[in-house]
Amino acid sequence: MSRRNVTYTAPVGSIDMPAFDDSGQAYTISPCLECLPWHIEVVLNDVDSGEVMVREWHAVDCPVFKELLDS
């Protein structure tokens, strides 16, 4: 079995997720404990609607990232 590359120099990928639920409450953001390059940024998805998204960056081998992609 090969080892996961989840170090600071690992290749990274991102996924955009809503920042707020349907009632306008902000989702809680927790750091990923599985990969070192994890970080987030807040992005405006649609200027006209003002939709705010949270972009999470993970190592591509991160199991949490793979789980988010599969959901």
N, C-alpha and C. Protein backbone atom coordinates (compact mmCIF):
# COMPACT_ATOMS: atom_id res chain seq x y z
N MET A 1 0.85 -1.17 0.00
CA MET A 1 0.00 0.00 0.00
C MET A 1 0.90 1.24 0.00
N SER A 2 0.60 2.19 -0.87
CA SER A 2 1.41 3.41 -0.93
C SER A 2 0.97 4.40 0.14
N ARG A 3 1.89 5.24 0.53
CA ARG A 3 1.60 6.24 1.55
C ARG A 3 0.93 7.45 0.89
N ARG A 4 0.03 8.08 1.61
CA ARG A 4 -0.62 9.29 1.11
C ARG A 4 0.37 10.44 1.17
N ASN A 5 0.33 11.28 0.15
CA ASN A 5 1.15 12.50 0.14
C ASN A 5 0.27 13.64 0.63
N VAL A 6 0.40 13.96 1.92
CA VAL A 6 -0.42 15.01 2.52
C VAL A 6 0.46 16.05 3.21
N THR A 7 1.69 16.20 2.72
CA THR A 7 2.63 17.15 3.29
C THR A 7 2.39 18.55 2.72
N TYR A 8 3.16 19.52 3.21
CA TYR A 8 3.03 20.90 2.73
C TYR A 8 3.28 21.03 1.23
N THR A 9 4.09 20.16 0.66
CA THR A 9 4.43 20.26 -0.75
C THR A 9 3.56 19.36 -1.64
N ALA A 10 2.55 18.74 -1.09
CA ALA A 10 1.67 17.85 -1.85
C ALA A 10 0.87 18.65 -2.87
N PRO A 11 0.52 18.02 -4.00
CA PRO A 11 -0.39 18.68 -4.93
C PRO A 11 -1.74 18.90 -4.24
N VAL A 12 -2.36 20.02 -4.55
CA VAL A 12 -3.62 20.36 -3.88
C VAL A 12 -4.76 20.48 -4.89
N GLY A 13 -5.96 20.32 -4.38
CA GLY A 13 -7.18 20.51 -5.15
C GLY A 13 -8.18 21.25 -4.28
N SER A 14 -9.23 21.78 -4.90
CA SER A 14 -10.20 22.54 -4.13
C SER A 14 -11.62 22.09 -4.44
N ILE A 15 -12.51 22.42 -3.52
CA ILE A 15 -13.94 22.19 -3.69
C ILE A 15 -14.67 23.38 -3.09
N ASP A 16 -15.68 23.86 -3.80
CA ASP A 16 -16.49 24.98 -3.32
C ASP A 16 -17.74 24.44 -2.64
N MET A 17 -18.03 25.00 -1.45
CA MET A 17 -19.20 24.60 -0.69
C MET A 17 -19.93 25.85 -0.22
N PRO A 18 -21.24 25.76 -0.04
CA PRO A 18 -22.00 26.92 0.43
C PRO A 18 -21.50 27.39 1.80
N ALA A 19 -21.49 28.69 2.00
CA ALA A 19 -21.08 29.25 3.29
C ALA A 19 -22.25 29.31 4.27
N PHE A 20 -23.48 29.32 3.73
CA PHE A 20 -24.68 29.47 4.56
C PHE A 20 -25.71 28.41 4.20
N ASP A 21 -26.50 27.99 5.21
CA ASP A 21 -27.57 27.03 4.93
C ASP A 21 -28.80 27.77 4.40
N ASP A 22 -29.88 27.06 4.17
CA ASP A 22 -31.08 27.65 3.58
C ASP A 22 -31.74 28.71 4.47
N SER A 23 -31.48 28.65 5.77
CA SER A 23 -32.06 29.65 6.68
C SER A 23 -31.12 30.83 6.92
N GLY A 24 -29.97 30.84 6.25
CA GLY A 24 -29.04 31.96 6.37
C GLY A 24 -28.00 31.82 7.46
N GLN A 25 -27.98 30.67 8.13
CA GLN A 25 -26.99 30.43 9.19
C GLN A 25 -25.68 29.96 8.57
N ALA A 26 -24.59 30.51 9.06
CA ALA A 26 -23.27 30.13 8.55
C ALA A 26 -22.92 28.71 8.99
N TYR A 27 -22.33 27.94 8.08
CA TYR A 27 -21.83 26.62 8.43
C TYR A 27 -20.57 26.77 9.28
N THR A 28 -20.34 25.83 10.17
CA THR A 28 -19.13 25.80 10.97
C THR A 28 -18.01 25.21 10.12
N ILE A 29 -16.86 25.85 10.14
CA ILE A 29 -15.70 25.38 9.39
C ILE A 29 -14.68 24.85 10.38
N SER A 30 -14.29 23.61 10.18
CA SER A 30 -13.28 22.99 11.04
C SER A 30 -12.06 22.67 10.19
N PRO A 31 -10.86 22.87 10.74
CA PRO A 31 -9.66 22.56 9.97
C PRO A 31 -9.54 21.06 9.71
N CYS A 32 -8.92 20.74 8.60
CA CYS A 32 -8.68 19.34 8.27
C CYS A 32 -7.43 18.88 9.01
N LEU A 33 -7.57 17.83 9.78
CA LEU A 33 -6.45 17.28 10.54
C LEU A 33 -5.72 16.20 9.77
N GLU A 34 -6.16 15.93 8.54
CA GLU A 34 -5.58 14.85 7.73
C GLU A 34 -4.50 15.33 6.77
N CYS A 35 -4.48 16.65 6.46
CA CYS A 35 -3.48 17.11 5.49
C CYS A 35 -2.94 18.48 5.89
N LEU A 36 -1.67 18.67 5.63
CA LEU A 36 -1.00 19.90 6.03
C LEU A 36 -1.30 21.10 5.13
N PRO A 37 -1.54 20.93 3.83
CA PRO A 37 -1.78 22.12 3.01
C PRO A 37 -3.22 22.66 3.10
N TRP A 38 -4.07 22.09 3.97
CA TRP A 38 -5.45 22.53 4.06
C TRP A 38 -5.51 24.01 4.36
N HIS A 39 -6.36 24.72 3.63
CA HIS A 39 -6.71 26.10 3.94
C HIS A 39 -8.01 26.42 3.23
N ILE A 40 -8.62 27.52 3.61
CA ILE A 40 -9.88 27.92 3.00
C ILE A 40 -9.77 29.36 2.51
N GLU A 41 -10.68 29.69 1.63
CA GLU A 41 -10.87 31.08 1.23
C GLU A 41 -12.36 31.28 0.99
N VAL A 42 -12.81 32.47 1.23
CA VAL A 42 -14.21 32.81 0.99
C VAL A 42 -14.27 33.47 -0.38
N VAL A 43 -15.18 32.98 -1.22
CA VAL A 43 -15.29 33.50 -2.58
C VAL A 43 -16.72 33.90 -2.88
N LEU A 44 -16.87 34.90 -3.71
CA LEU A 44 -18.18 35.32 -4.19
C LEU A 44 -18.45 34.52 -5.45
N ASN A 45 -19.38 33.58 -5.37
CA ASN A 45 -19.65 32.67 -6.48
C ASN A 45 -20.37 33.37 -7.63
N ASP A 46 -21.31 34.23 -7.30
CA ASP A 46 -22.10 34.91 -8.33
C ASP A 46 -22.29 36.36 -7.89
N VAL A 47 -21.72 37.27 -8.63
CA VAL A 47 -21.78 38.69 -8.27
C VAL A 47 -23.21 39.18 -8.24
N ASP A 48 -24.03 38.75 -9.18
CA ASP A 48 -25.42 39.22 -9.25
C ASP A 48 -26.26 38.77 -8.06
N SER A 49 -26.10 37.50 -7.66
CA SER A 49 -26.91 36.99 -6.55
C SER A 49 -26.24 37.20 -5.19
N GLY A 50 -24.93 37.46 -5.19
CA GLY A 50 -24.20 37.64 -3.95
C GLY A 50 -23.95 36.33 -3.21
N GLU A 51 -24.01 35.20 -3.92
CA GLU A 51 -23.81 33.90 -3.30
C GLU A 51 -22.37 33.75 -2.82
N VAL A 52 -22.22 33.50 -1.53
CA VAL A 52 -20.91 33.34 -0.91
C VAL A 52 -20.62 31.86 -0.75
N MET A 53 -19.42 31.46 -1.14
CA MET A 53 -19.00 30.07 -1.03
C MET A 53 -17.71 30.00 -0.21
N VAL A 54 -17.46 28.84 0.35
CA VAL A 54 -16.20 28.56 1.03
C VAL A 54 -15.44 27.60 0.14
N ARG A 55 -14.24 27.97 -0.25
CA ARG A 55 -13.40 27.11 -1.08
C ARG A 55 -12.38 26.45 -0.16
N GLU A 56 -12.47 25.12 -0.05
CA GLU A 56 -11.52 24.36 0.78
C GLU A 56 -10.45 23.76 -0.11
N TRP A 57 -9.22 23.94 0.29
CA TRP A 57 -8.07 23.37 -0.41
C TRP A 57 -7.50 22.25 0.44
N HIS A 58 -7.27 21.11 -0.17
CA HIS A 58 -6.72 19.93 0.49
C HIS A 58 -5.64 19.32 -0.39
N ALA A 59 -4.79 18.50 0.22
CA ALA A 59 -3.90 17.64 -0.57
C ALA A 59 -4.79 16.69 -1.36
N VAL A 60 -4.44 16.41 -2.61
CA VAL A 60 -5.30 15.55 -3.43
C VAL A 60 -5.40 14.13 -2.88
N ASP A 61 -4.43 13.70 -2.09
CA ASP A 61 -4.48 12.37 -1.48
C ASP A 61 -5.20 12.36 -0.13
N CYS A 62 -5.70 13.48 0.31
CA CYS A 62 -6.36 13.59 1.62
C CYS A 62 -7.67 12.80 1.61
N PRO A 63 -7.86 11.93 2.60
CA PRO A 63 -9.12 11.15 2.64
C PRO A 63 -10.35 12.04 2.85
N VAL A 64 -10.21 13.12 3.57
CA VAL A 64 -11.35 14.04 3.77
C VAL A 64 -11.73 14.69 2.43
N PHE A 65 -10.73 15.09 1.65
CA PHE A 65 -10.99 15.68 0.34
C PHE A 65 -11.68 14.68 -0.58
N LYS A 66 -11.21 13.44 -0.57
CA LYS A 66 -11.84 12.41 -1.41
C LYS A 66 -13.28 12.18 -0.99
N GLU A 67 -13.54 12.21 0.31
CA GLU A 67 -14.90 12.05 0.81
C GLU A 67 -15.80 13.21 0.37
N LEU A 68 -15.28 14.43 0.42
CA LEU A 68 -16.05 15.60 -0.02
C LEU A 68 -16.37 15.52 -1.51
N LEU A 69 -15.43 15.05 -2.30
CA LEU A 69 -15.65 14.91 -3.73
C LEU A 69 -16.69 13.86 -4.06
N ASP A 70 -16.74 12.81 -3.25
CA ASP A 70 -17.69 11.72 -3.47
C ASP A 70 -19.10 12.05 -3.00
N SER A 71 -19.25 13.06 -2.15
CA SER A 71 -20.58 13.37 -1.61
C SER A 71 -21.35 14.31 -2.50
